[in-house]
Protein backbone atom coordinates (compact mmCIF):
# COMPACT_ATOMS: atom_id res chain seq x y z
CA MET A 1 21.87 8.28 -2.15
CA ASN A 2 23.89 5.16 -2.54
CA ALA A 3 22.73 2.36 -5.63
CA ARG A 4 21.12 -0.50 -3.16
CA ILE A 5 18.84 2.06 -1.45
CA GLU A 6 18.01 3.98 -4.74
CA LYS A 7 17.65 -0.55 -6.06
CA TYR A 8 15.29 -0.52 -2.49
CA LEU A 9 13.34 2.25 -3.19
CA LYS A 10 12.24 1.89 -7.05
CA ALA A 11 11.24 -1.46 -5.65
CA TYR A 12 9.16 -0.76 -2.89
CA ASN A 13 7.25 1.85 -5.37
CA LEU A 14 6.79 -0.47 -8.33
CA VAL A 15 5.45 -2.40 -5.39
CA GLN A 16 2.77 0.02 -3.65
CA LEU A 17 2.01 0.66 -7.46
CA ALA A 18 1.36 -2.90 -8.53
CA GLY A 19 -0.75 -3.18 -4.96
CA TRP A 20 -2.75 -0.12 -5.60
CA LEU A 21 -3.59 -1.12 -9.30
CA LEU A 22 -4.55 -4.52 -8.18
CA ALA A 23 -6.63 -3.44 -5.39
CA LEU A 24 -8.12 -1.09 -8.18
CA VAL A 25 -9.00 -3.75 -10.72
CA SER A 26 -10.08 -6.30 -8.44
CA LEU A 27 -12.47 -4.18 -6.50
CA PRO A 28 -15.64 -5.09 -9.21
CA PHE A 29 -14.95 -8.70 -8.46
CA SER A 30 -14.23 -8.94 -5.47
CA PHE A 31 -14.99 -6.31 -2.67
CA MET A 32 -12.81 -8.68 0.03
CA LEU A 33 -9.68 -9.31 -2.40
CA SER A 34 -9.54 -5.70 -2.61
CA PHE A 35 -9.81 -4.18 0.76
CA TYR A 36 -7.23 -6.99 1.93
CA THR A 37 -4.90 -5.74 -0.96
CA VAL A 38 -5.29 -1.87 0.75
CA CYS A 39 -4.81 -3.28 4.27
CA PHE A 40 -1.33 -5.22 2.94
CA VAL A 41 -0.15 -2.17 0.87
CA GLN A 42 -1.03 0.32 3.67
CA LEU A 43 0.74 -2.09 6.57
CA LEU A 44 3.38 -1.52 4.20
CA SER A 45 3.66 1.95 3.75
CA LEU A 46 4.34 2.23 7.47
CA LEU A 47 7.94 2.01 5.94
CA GLU A 48 7.61 5.24 4.24
CA ILE A 49 7.73 6.87 8.24
CA PHE A 50 11.25 5.44 8.05
CA HIS A 51 11.83 6.66 4.67
CA ALA A 52 10.88 10.20 6.00
CA TYR A 53 12.94 10.00 9.22
CA LYS A 54 16.16 9.05 6.89
CA LYS A 55 15.58 11.40 4.38
CA TRP A 56 15.42 9.30 1.53
CA ASN A 57 12.27 11.48 0.53
CA ASN A 58 10.62 15.11 1.11
CA SER A 59 7.99 14.02 3.47
CA SER A 60 7.96 14.83 6.94
CA PRO A 61 7.97 12.06 9.40
CA LEU A 62 4.88 13.12 11.02
CA LEU A 63 2.76 14.00 8.51
CA CYS A 64 3.76 10.33 7.14
CA PHE A 65 2.78 9.09 10.21
CA VAL A 66 -0.57 10.88 10.69
CA GLN A 67 -1.59 9.96 7.05
CA ILE A 68 -0.91 6.31 7.42
CA ALA A 69 -2.07 6.22 10.93
CA ALA A 70 -5.44 7.68 9.99
CA ARG A 71 -5.81 5.33 7.02
CA LEU A 72 -4.85 2.32 8.89
CA PHE A 73 -7.68 3.38 12.16
CA ILE A 74 -9.94 3.63 8.96
CA LEU A 75 -9.31 0.60 7.62
CA PHE A 76 -9.82 -1.29 10.71
CA PHE A 77 -13.26 -0.23 11.79
CA THR A 78 -14.02 -0.57 8.42
CA TYR A 79 -13.18 -4.11 8.67
CA LEU A 80 -15.32 -4.28 11.59
CA LEU A 81 -17.98 -2.90 10.31
CA ILE A 82 -18.38 -5.30 7.48
CA PHE A 83 -18.83 -8.01 10.07
CA LEU A 84 -21.64 -6.10 11.28
CA THR A 85 -23.61 -5.28 8.30
CA ILE A 86 -23.86 -9.18 8.24
CA PHE A 87 -25.99 -8.77 11.03
CA LYS A 88 -28.00 -5.65 10.89
CA LYS A 89 -27.95 -2.96 7.26
CA ILE A 90 -26.01 0.37 7.31
CA PRO A 91 -27.87 2.50 4.80
CA PHE A 92 -25.38 3.30 2.15
CA PHE A 93 -22.26 1.58 4.06
CA TYR A 94 -20.76 0.15 1.06
CA GLU A 95 -21.51 2.68 -1.15
CA VAL A 96 -19.39 5.07 1.02
CA VAL A 97 -17.06 2.98 1.04
CA TYR A 98 -16.48 2.11 -2.41
CA ALA A 99 -16.23 6.26 -2.93
CA MET A 100 -13.61 6.08 -0.31
CA LEU A 101 -11.87 3.44 -1.87
CA LEU A 102 -11.44 5.03 -5.15
CA ALA A 103 -10.04 8.08 -3.84
CA TRP A 104 -7.86 6.25 -2.07
CA PHE A 105 -7.08 4.22 -5.50
CA ILE A 106 -7.23 7.10 -7.62
CA ALA A 107 -4.72 9.40 -5.30
CA GLU A 108 -2.10 6.18 -4.78
CA ILE A 109 -1.74 5.35 -8.24
CA ILE A 110 -0.88 8.76 -9.53
CA ARG A 111 1.30 9.14 -6.50
CA TYR A 112 3.60 6.08 -6.95
CA ALA A 113 3.41 5.89 -10.88
CA TYR A 114 4.90 9.65 -10.34
CA TYR A 115 7.24 8.32 -8.09
CA VAL A 116 8.18 5.49 -10.27
CA SER A 117 8.46 7.53 -13.49
CA GLY A 118 10.21 9.56 -11.70
CA MET A 119 12.93 7.01 -10.44
CA PHE A 120 13.25 5.62 -13.94
CA ASN A 121 13.75 9.64 -15.71
CA VAL A 122 11.04 9.00 -17.65
CA GLN A 123 8.23 11.91 -15.61
CA GLY A 124 6.14 13.51 -17.87
CA GLU A 125 4.05 16.88 -17.86
CA LEU A 126 0.20 14.94 -17.83
CA ILE A 127 1.50 12.10 -14.56
CA THR A 128 3.33 15.83 -12.75
CA TRP A 129 0.02 17.56 -13.56
CA LEU A 130 -2.38 14.61 -12.37
CA ARG A 131 -0.21 14.23 -9.36
CA TYR A 132 -0.09 17.98 -7.93
CA SER A 133 -4.08 18.05 -8.77
CA ALA A 134 -6.40 14.89 -8.31
CA PHE A 135 -5.91 15.77 -4.46
CA ILE A 136 -8.47 18.47 -5.28
CA ILE A 137 -11.40 16.10 -5.50
CA CYS A 138 -9.31 12.60 -4.16
CA TYR A 139 -8.80 14.00 -0.83
CA PRO A 140 -12.10 15.69 0.51
CA VAL A 141 -14.06 12.67 -1.38
CA GLY A 142 -11.24 10.44 1.00
CA VAL A 143 -11.85 12.36 4.27
CA VAL A 144 -15.68 13.13 3.92
CA SER A 145 -15.84 9.02 3.50
CA GLU A 146 -13.68 9.17 6.25
CA PHE A 147 -15.98 10.80 8.69
CA PHE A 148 -18.82 8.60 7.52
CA ILE A 149 -17.10 5.81 8.98
CA MET A 150 -16.08 7.37 12.34
CA TYR A 151 -19.31 8.51 12.37
CA THR A 152 -21.33 4.98 11.66
CA VAL A 153 -18.92 3.59 13.97
CA PHE A 154 -19.58 6.25 16.60
CA LYS A 155 -23.60 5.78 16.02
CA TYR A 156 -23.86 1.81 16.13
CA ASP A 157 -20.97 1.22 18.98
CA ASP A 158 -21.99 1.33 22.44
CA LEU A 159 -18.77 1.65 24.57
CA LEU A 160 -18.44 4.72 25.23
CA SER A 161 -14.62 4.28 25.25
CA ILE A 162 -14.94 3.87 21.60
CA LYS A 163 -17.63 7.27 20.98
CA ILE A 164 -14.78 9.18 22.74
CA LEU A 165 -11.79 7.94 20.73
CA MET A 166 -14.14 8.55 17.40
CA VAL A 167 -14.61 12.18 18.99
CA VAL A 168 -11.15 12.54 19.67
CA VAL A 169 -10.33 11.61 15.76
CA ALA A 170 -12.53 13.24 14.08
CA LEU A 171 -10.86 16.54 16.00
CA ILE A 172 -7.44 15.34 14.97
CA TYR A 173 -8.94 15.06 11.36
CA LEU A 174 -10.22 18.40 11.37
CA TYR A 175 -6.93 20.08 12.40
CA PHE A 176 -4.81 17.82 10.63
CA PHE A 177 -6.63 18.03 7.42
CA PRO A 178 -6.45 21.74 6.20
CA LYS A 179 -2.58 21.77 6.84
CA LEU A 180 -2.33 18.73 4.94
CA TYR A 181 -4.54 20.31 2.08
CA LEU A 182 -2.97 23.58 2.15
CA HIS A 183 0.31 22.34 2.23
CA LEU A 184 -0.77 20.22 -0.99
CA VAL A 185 -1.98 23.65 -2.70
CA LYS A 186 1.29 25.42 -2.24
CA GLN A 187 3.13 22.21 -3.67
CA ARG A 188 0.94 22.32 -6.96
CA LYS A 189 1.73 25.96 -7.26
CA LEU A 190 5.37 25.64 -6.94
CA LYS A 191 5.53 22.53 -9.28
CA LEU A 192 3.11 23.05 -11.72
CA ASN A 193 4.64 26.79 -12.23
CA HIS A 194 7.85 25.59 -12.38
CA SER A 195 7.19 22.68 -15.18
């Protein structure tokens, strides 16, 4: 990898780490600032599909696309539901969104801290262990929360096309989540047994 690409990737990962940290720190004080920050860094993460395609990292472009598209999908419908709650209270909505965001924040802060520390050659055992262990809790919490968002959209939206879309996306989740989770379990065994 040439030096310009390496500098770009360092800057990209530092921006992502800073964005996710800002989102976490601002959450207790300003839900919407935190939410908009997540939207920004998640849109920025579309670049990771290109990174994977160019083989600048070890990710699969397809898995990258599926993860990022799923999050953007959930963020879009969460945003719509936030405005719906102005007119109609949705039981447990904000609590579930907080849980989802916290799971995302923890997973992404650890992931980008791991990438940044590796790029600057300061990786330690703790960050490696966190990188390959935090998903055990973060991913199921995130996915259950995301299912709640889809269910809520399904329940409160009267358009048949939106209801069908929610069912299709839920089926895609059911197909891809076990594959991704099992891939992470394999990665965990490989990385933690060789650390």
